[in-house]
Amino acid sequence: MTTHNQHTAASSASLVAGIDRRRLHLGNWAIQRKRIYLDLRFWIGIRDAIMGRVKDSGSRKSLVELYENLAEKVSNGSHVCPVSDIVFREMMKQGNADTRIKSARIADKLSEGLCLIPHVDRSDIEIEHMILAATNSGLPRIEQVVWTKPLYLMGQWQLGFESLPAE
């Protein structure tokens, strides 16, 4: 891992370039796994089954088995269940703190913190990729650059102080 001092010592390193490198690193990690996308219904169903809130024992058993199967595959590094910005927002709207926290813990375990960047950002990347693909053969695959961590699901903010010296 690069330290802050190493990063700032590299004169050509910029914040945007650093973010791009980290996103590419995360993307390379993601594409090595089979990705399973669960909609909100499944995330909540799994959570309710684990919490014992599903009345039908057959449904509860199936959902718990699904969770255990996915958790095992995620644990062995073969699969991951990324979370989209839309699913994340809907999970966080849950009024009950206990169910919201339980949902987040389940999503964190199955996603390993892997999230799709927001749709609007993915669209921008797809357009940019389409334009640059004809002229830039070294362009990373789209599947490598559409990932982020939960902290950045609502966008990336960067502070800039133009009045401060570069060093």
Foldseek 3Di string as FASTA:
>chain_A
DDDPVNQLVPVVHDPVVVVQVVLLVVLVLQVQAAEDEDALVLLLQLLCLVVVNDPDPVSSVVSVVVLVVLLVCVVVSHYAYAAELVSLVVLCPDPDPVSSVSSVVSNCSRHVQKYFAHPVVLVVVVVVCVVCVVPDVPDDDSSSRGIDGPVANVHDDDDDDPVDDSD
